[in-house]
Amino acid sequence: IDDYGVRTMNEALAVMGFTFGVTVLLMVGL
């Protein structure tokens, strides 16, 4: 079981979720 890969992908999902939220706010303003 790739524990490191699972943890890394979860972190990537969190980063992409945060990026998506910030981007949506910027997109609304722009």
All heavy atoms as atom14 arrays in JSON, in Angstrom:
{
  "sequence": "IDDYGVRTMNEALAVMGFTFGVTVLLMVGL",
  "atom14_mask": [
    [1, 1, 1, 1, 1, 1, 1, 1, 0, 0, 0, 0, 0, 0],
    [1, 1, 1, 1, 1, 1, 1, 1, 0, 0, 0, 0, 0, 0],
    [1, 1, 1, 1, 1, 1, 1, 1, 0, 0, 0, 0, 0, 0],
    [1, 1, 1, 1, 1, 1, 1, 1, 1, 1, 1, 1, 0, 0],
    [1, 1, 1, 1, 0, 0, 0, 0, 0, 0, 0, 0, 0, 0],
    [1, 1, 1, 1, 1, 1, 1, 0, 0, 0, 0, 0, 0, 0],
    [1, 1, 1, 1, 1, 1, 1, 1, 1, 1, 1, 0, 0, 0],
    [1, 1, 1, 1, 1, 1, 1, 0, 0, 0, 0, 0, 0, 0],
    [1, 1, 1, 1, 1, 1, 1, 1, 0, 0, 0, 0, 0, 0],
    [1, 1, 1, 1, 1, 1, 1, 1, 0, 0, 0, 0, 0, 0],
    [1, 1, 1, 1, 1, 1, 1, 1, 1, 0, 0, 0, 0, 0],
    [1, 1, 1, 1, 1, 0, 0, 0, 0, 0, 0, 0, 0, 0],
    [1, 1, 1, 1, 1, 1, 1, 1, 0, 0, 0, 0, 0, 0],
    [1, 1, 1, 1, 1, 0, 0, 0, 0, 0, 0, 0, 0, 0],
    [1, 1, 1, 1, 1, 1, 1, 0, 0, 0, 0, 0, 0, 0],
    [1, 1, 1, 1, 1, 1, 1, 1, 0, 0, 0, 0, 0, 0],
    [1, 1, 1, 1, 0, 0, 0, 0, 0, 0, 0, 0, 0, 0],
    [1, 1, 1, 1, 1, 1, 1, 1, 1, 1, 1, 0, 0, 0],
    [1, 1, 1, 1, 1, 1, 1, 0, 0, 0, 0, 0, 0, 0],
    [1, 1, 1, 1, 1, 1, 1, 1, 1, 1, 1, 0, 0, 0],
    [1, 1, 1, 1, 0, 0, 0, 0, 0, 0, 0, 0, 0, 0],
    [1, 1, 1, 1, 1, 1, 1, 0, 0, 0, 0, 0, 0, 0],
    [1, 1, 1, 1, 1, 1, 1, 0, 0, 0, 0, 0, 0, 0],
    [1, 1, 1, 1, 1, 1, 1, 0, 0, 0, 0, 0, 0, 0],
    [1, 1, 1, 1, 1, 1, 1, 1, 0, 0, 0, 0, 0, 0],
    [1, 1, 1, 1, 1, 1, 1, 1, 0, 0, 0, 0, 0, 0],
    [1, 1, 1, 1, 1, 1, 1, 1, 0, 0, 0, 0, 0, 0],
    [1, 1, 1, 1, 1, 1, 1, 0, 0, 0, 0, 0, 0, 0],
    [1, 1, 1, 1, 0, 0, 0, 0, 0, 0, 0, 0, 0, 0],
    [1, 1, 1, 1, 1, 1, 1, 1, 0, 0, 0, 0, 0, 0]
  ],
  "atom14_positions": [
    [[0.87, -1.2, 0.0], [0.0, 0.0, 0.0], [0.89, 1.23, 0.0], [1.76, 1.36, 0.88], [-0.94, 0.01, 1.23], [-1.92, -1.16, 1.15], [-1.71, 1.33, 1.28], [-2.83, -1.25, 2.37], [0.0, 0.0, 0.0], [0.0, 0.0, 0.0], [0.0, 0.0, 0.0], [0.0, 0.0, 0.0], [0.0, 0.0, 0.0], [0.0, 0.0, 0.0]],
    [[0.67, 2.12, -0.97], [1.5, 3.32, -1.12], [0.99, 4.4, -0.17], [0.26, 5.32, -0.55], [1.46, 3.8, -2.57], [2.44, 4.95, -2.82], [3.23, 5.25, -1.91], [2.39, 5.54, -3.92], [0.0, 0.0, 0.0], [0.0, 0.0, 0.0], [0.0, 0.0, 0.0], [0.0, 0.0, 0.0], [0.0, 0.0, 0.0], [0.0, 0.0, 0.0]],
    [[1.39, 4.31, 1.11], [0.94, 5.3, 2.1], [1.44, 6.7, 1.75], [0.72, 7.69, 1.89], [1.43, 4.9, 3.49], [0.83, 3.59, 3.95], [-0.4, 3.44, 3.81], [1.58, 2.71, 4.42], [0.0, 0.0, 0.0], [0.0, 0.0, 0.0], [0.0, 0.0, 0.0], [0.0, 0.0, 0.0], [0.0, 0.0, 0.0], [0.0, 0.0, 0.0]],
    [[2.69, 6.77, 1.33], [3.24, 8.09, 0.97], [2.49, 8.7, -0.22], [2.17, 9.89, -0.23], [4.73, 7.96, 0.66], [5.36, 9.23, 0.15], [5.63, 10.28, 1.01], [5.65, 9.38, -1.21], [6.2, 11.45, 0.52], [6.21, 10.54, -1.7], [6.47, 11.59, -0.83], [7.02, 12.75, -1.31], [0.0, 0.0, 0.0], [0.0, 0.0, 0.0]],
    [[2.22, 7.87, -1.23], [1.5, 8.38, -2.39], [0.1, 8.84, -2.04], [-0.37, 9.88, -2.52], [0.0, 0.0, 0.0], [0.0, 0.0, 0.0], [0.0, 0.0, 0.0], [0.0, 0.0, 0.0], [0.0, 0.0, 0.0], [0.0, 0.0, 0.0], [0.0, 0.0, 0.0], [0.0, 0.0, 0.0], [0.0, 0.0, 0.0], [0.0, 0.0, 0.0]],
    [[-0.59, 8.04, -1.17], [-1.94, 8.44, -0.74], [-1.9, 9.76, 0.01], [-2.71, 10.67, -0.23], [-2.58, 7.33, 0.12], [-3.89, 7.81, 0.73], [-2.8, 6.07, -0.7], [0.0, 0.0, 0.0], [0.0, 0.0, 0.0], [0.0, 0.0, 0.0], [0.0, 0.0, 0.0], [0.0, 0.0, 0.0], [0.0, 0.0, 0.0], [0.0, 0.0, 0.0]],
    [[-0.91, 9.9, 0.92], [-0.79, 11.15, 1.67], [-0.46, 12.32, 0.75], [-1.01, 13.42, 0.89], [0.29, 10.99, 2.74], [0.41, 12.2, 3.66], [1.33, 11.93, 4.84], [2.69, 11.63, 4.41], [3.23, 10.41, 4.45], [2.51, 9.37, 4.86], [4.48, 10.23, 4.07], [0.0, 0.0, 0.0], [0.0, 0.0, 0.0], [0.0, 0.0, 0.0]],
    [[0.42, 12.07, -0.21], [0.79, 13.13, -1.14], [-0.4, 13.56, -2.0], [-0.61, 14.76, -2.23], [1.93, 12.66, -2.05], [3.05, 12.26, -1.25], [2.37, 13.77, -3.0], [0.0, 0.0, 0.0], [0.0, 0.0, 0.0], [0.0, 0.0, 0.0], [0.0, 0.0, 0.0], [0.0, 0.0, 0.0], [0.0, 0.0, 0.0], [0.0, 0.0, 0.0]],
    [[-1.2, 12.6, -2.45], [-2.36, 12.96, -3.27], [-3.41, 13.7, -2.46], [-4.08, 14.61, -2.96], [-2.97, 11.7, -3.89], [-2.07, 11.03, -4.94], [-1.46, 12.16, -6.21], [-3.0, 12.72, -6.92], [0.0, 0.0, 0.0], [0.0, 0.0, 0.0], [0.0, 0.0, 0.0], [0.0, 0.0, 0.0], [0.0, 0.0, 0.0], [0.0, 0.0, 0.0]],
    [[-3.55, 13.32, -1.18], [-4.49, 14.07, -0.32], [-4.03, 15.5, -0.14], [-4.84, 16.44, -0.14], [-4.63, 13.37, 1.03], [-5.38, 12.06, 0.92], [-6.18, 11.86, 0.0], [-5.14, 11.14, 1.86], [0.0, 0.0, 0.0], [0.0, 0.0, 0.0], [0.0, 0.0, 0.0], [0.0, 0.0, 0.0], [0.0, 0.0, 0.0], [0.0, 0.0, 0.0]],
    [[-2.72, 15.68, 0.05], [-2.19, 17.04, 0.16], [-2.39, 17.8, -1.15], [-2.72, 18.99, -1.14], [-0.71, 16.98, 0.53], [-0.45, 16.45, 1.94], [1.03, 16.28, 2.22], [1.84, 16.5, 1.27], [1.39, 15.95, 3.37], [0.0, 0.0, 0.0], [0.0, 0.0, 0.0], [0.0, 0.0, 0.0], [0.0, 0.0, 0.0], [0.0, 0.0, 0.0]],
    [[-2.18, 17.11, -2.28], [-2.4, 17.76, -3.57], [-3.84, 18.18, -3.74], [-4.15, 19.27, -4.25], [-1.97, 16.82, -4.71], [0.0, 0.0, 0.0], [0.0, 0.0, 0.0], [0.0, 0.0, 0.0], [0.0, 0.0, 0.0], [0.0, 0.0, 0.0], [0.0, 0.0, 0.0], [0.0, 0.0, 0.0], [0.0, 0.0, 0.0], [0.0, 0.0, 0.0]],
    [[-4.77, 17.3, -3.28], [-6.19, 17.67, -3.35], [-6.48, 18.89, -2.5], [-7.25, 19.78, -2.9], [-7.05, 16.49, -2.89], [-7.31, 15.38, -3.92], [-8.08, 14.24, -3.28], [-8.09, 15.94, -5.11], [0.0, 0.0, 0.0], [0.0, 0.0, 0.0], [0.0, 0.0, 0.0], [0.0, 0.0, 0.0], [0.0, 0.0, 0.0], [0.0, 0.0, 0.0]],
    [[-5.89, 18.96, -1.31], [-6.11, 20.11, -0.43], [-5.57, 21.39, -1.08], [-6.22, 22.44, -1.06], [-5.44, 19.87, 0.93], [0.0, 0.0, 0.0], [0.0, 0.0, 0.0], [0.0, 0.0, 0.0], [0.0, 0.0, 0.0], [0.0, 0.0, 0.0], [0.0, 0.0, 0.0], [0.0, 0.0, 0.0], [0.0, 0.0, 0.0], [0.0, 0.0, 0.0]],
    [[-4.36, 21.28, -1.66], [-3.78, 22.45, -2.33], [-4.64, 22.89, -3.51], [-4.9, 24.09, -3.72], [-2.34, 22.15, -2.78], [-1.8, 23.28, -3.64], [-1.44, 21.94, -1.57], [0.0, 0.0, 0.0], [0.0, 0.0, 0.0], [0.0, 0.0, 0.0], [0.0, 0.0, 0.0], [0.0, 0.0, 0.0], [0.0, 0.0, 0.0], [0.0, 0.0, 0.0]],
    [[-5.1, 21.91, -4.31], [-5.93, 22.27, -5.46], [-7.27, 22.85, -5.03], [-7.81, 23.76, -5.66], [-6.14, 21.03, -6.35], [-4.9, 20.64, -7.15], [-5.22, 19.37, -8.4], [-5.55, 17.97, -7.34], [0.0, 0.0, 0.0], [0.0, 0.0, 0.0], [0.0, 0.0, 0.0], [0.0, 0.0, 0.0], [0.0, 0.0, 0.0], [0.0, 0.0, 0.0]],
    [[-7.83, 22.31, -3.91], [-9.07, 22.87, -3.4], [-8.9, 24.31, -2.96], [-9.73, 25.18, -3.26], [0.0, 0.0, 0.0], [0.0, 0.0, 0.0], [0.0, 0.0, 0.0], [0.0, 0.0, 0.0], [0.0, 0.0, 0.0], [0.0, 0.0, 0.0], [0.0, 0.0, 0.0], [0.0, 0.0, 0.0], [0.0, 0.0, 0.0], [0.0, 0.0, 0.0]],
    [[-7.78, 24.58, -2.23], [-7.51, 25.96, -1.81], [-7.29, 26.86, -3.03], [-7.81, 27.98, -3.1], [-6.28, 25.98, -0.89], [-5.85, 27.35, -0.49], [-6.52, 28.06, 0.49], [-4.75, 27.96, -1.12], [-6.12, 29.34, 0.85], [-4.34, 29.23, -0.75], [-5.03, 29.92, 0.23], [0.0, 0.0, 0.0], [0.0, 0.0, 0.0], [0.0, 0.0, 0.0]],
    [[-6.5, 26.34, -3.99], [-6.25, 27.11, -5.21], [-7.54, 27.39, -5.96], [-7.76, 28.5, -6.48], [-5.27, 26.35, -6.13], [-4.07, 26.07, -5.41], [-4.95, 27.17, -7.37], [0.0, 0.0, 0.0], [0.0, 0.0, 0.0], [0.0, 0.0, 0.0], [0.0, 0.0, 0.0], [0.0, 0.0, 0.0], [0.0, 0.0, 0.0], [0.0, 0.0, 0.0]],
    [[-8.42, 26.38, -6.0], [-9.7, 26.56, -6.69], [-10.53, 27.65, -6.01], [-11.12, 28.5, -6.68], [-10.46, 25.24, -6.7], [-11.82, 25.33, -7.32], [-11.97, 25.4, -8.7], [-12.95, 25.36, -6.53], [-13.23, 25.49, -9.27], [-14.21, 25.45, -7.08], [-14.35, 25.52, -8.45], [0.0, 0.0, 0.0], [0.0, 0.0, 0.0], [0.0, 0.0, 0.0]],
    [[-10.58, 27.62, -4.67], [-11.35, 28.64, -3.97], [-10.82, 30.04, -4.2], [-11.58, 30.98, -4.48], [0.0, 0.0, 0.0], [0.0, 0.0, 0.0], [0.0, 0.0, 0.0], [0.0, 0.0, 0.0], [0.0, 0.0, 0.0], [0.0, 0.0, 0.0], [0.0, 0.0, 0.0], [0.0, 0.0, 0.0], [0.0, 0.0, 0.0], [0.0, 0.0, 0.0]],
    [[-9.48, 30.2, -4.08], [-8.88, 31.52, -4.33], [-9.1, 31.96, -5.76], [-9.41, 33.13, -6.04], [-7.37, 31.48, -3.99], [-6.7, 32.78, -4.39], [-7.17, 31.21, -2.51], [0.0, 0.0, 0.0], [0.0, 0.0, 0.0], [0.0, 0.0, 0.0], [0.0, 0.0, 0.0], [0.0, 0.0, 0.0], [0.0, 0.0, 0.0], [0.0, 0.0, 0.0]],
    [[-8.96, 31.0, -6.69], [-9.15, 31.34, -8.1], [-10.57, 31.78, -8.39], [-10.81, 32.71, -9.17], [-8.77, 30.13, -8.98], [-7.43, 29.75, -8.71], [-8.9, 30.48, -10.46], [0.0, 0.0, 0.0], [0.0, 0.0, 0.0], [0.0, 0.0, 0.0], [0.0, 0.0, 0.0], [0.0, 0.0, 0.0], [0.0, 0.0, 0.0], [0.0, 0.0, 0.0]],
    [[-11.54, 31.11, -7.76], [-12.94, 31.5, -7.96], [-13.17, 32.93, -7.48], [-13.83, 33.75, -8.15], [-13.89, 30.52, -7.25], [-15.31, 31.07, -7.21], [-13.87, 29.17, -7.95], [0.0, 0.0, 0.0], [0.0, 0.0, 0.0], [0.0, 0.0, 0.0], [0.0, 0.0, 0.0], [0.0, 0.0, 0.0], [0.0, 0.0, 0.0], [0.0, 0.0, 0.0]],
    [[-12.61, 33.26, -6.3], [-12.75, 34.64, -5.79], [-12.09, 35.64, -6.73], [-12.67, 36.7, -7.04], [-12.13, 34.74, -4.39], [-12.83, 33.94, -3.28], [-12.07, 34.09, -1.97], [-14.28, 34.39, -3.12], [0.0, 0.0, 0.0], [0.0, 0.0, 0.0], [0.0, 0.0, 0.0], [0.0, 0.0, 0.0], [0.0, 0.0, 0.0], [0.0, 0.0, 0.0]],
    [[-10.87, 35.31, -7.19], [-10.2, 36.2, -8.14], [-10.98, 36.29, -9.44], [-11.09, 37.38, -10.04], [-8.78, 35.7, -8.42], [-7.77, 35.84, -7.29], [-6.45, 35.19, -7.69], [-7.55, 37.31, -6.96], [0.0, 0.0, 0.0], [0.0, 0.0, 0.0], [0.0, 0.0, 0.0], [0.0, 0.0, 0.0], [0.0, 0.0, 0.0], [0.0, 0.0, 0.0]],
    [[-11.55, 35.18, -9.86], [-12.3, 35.16, -11.11], [-13.54, 36.05, -11.02], [-13.88, 36.78, -11.95], [-12.68, 33.72, -11.45], [-13.09, 33.49, -12.89], [-13.45, 31.74, -13.15], [-11.85, 31.02, -12.74], [0.0, 0.0, 0.0], [0.0, 0.0, 0.0], [0.0, 0.0, 0.0], [0.0, 0.0, 0.0], [0.0, 0.0, 0.0], [0.0, 0.0, 0.0]],
    [[-14.21, 35.99, -9.86], [-15.39, 36.84, -9.67], [-14.99, 38.31, -9.72], [-15.63, 39.13, -10.39], [-16.08, 36.5, -8.33], [-17.17, 37.52, -8.02], [-16.68, 35.1, -8.38], [0.0, 0.0, 0.0], [0.0, 0.0, 0.0], [0.0, 0.0, 0.0], [0.0, 0.0, 0.0], [0.0, 0.0, 0.0], [0.0, 0.0, 0.0], [0.0, 0.0, 0.0]],
    [[-13.89, 38.66, -8.99], [-13.44, 40.05, -9.01], [-13.0, 40.5, -10.38], [-13.35, 41.59, -10.84], [0.0, 0.0, 0.0], [0.0, 0.0, 0.0], [0.0, 0.0, 0.0], [0.0, 0.0, 0.0], [0.0, 0.0, 0.0], [0.0, 0.0, 0.0], [0.0, 0.0, 0.0], [0.0, 0.0, 0.0], [0.0, 0.0, 0.0], [0.0, 0.0, 0.0]],
    [[-12.2, 39.65, -11.06], [-11.72, 40.01, -12.39], [-12.87, 40.08, -13.4], [-12.86, 40.92, -14.31], [-10.67, 39.0, -12.86], [-9.34, 39.03, -12.11], [-8.44, 37.91, -12.62], [-8.65, 40.38, -12.29], [0.0, 0.0, 0.0], [0.0, 0.0, 0.0], [0.0, 0.0, 0.0], [0.0, 0.0, 0.0], [0.0, 0.0, 0.0], [0.0, 0.0, 0.0]]
  ]
}
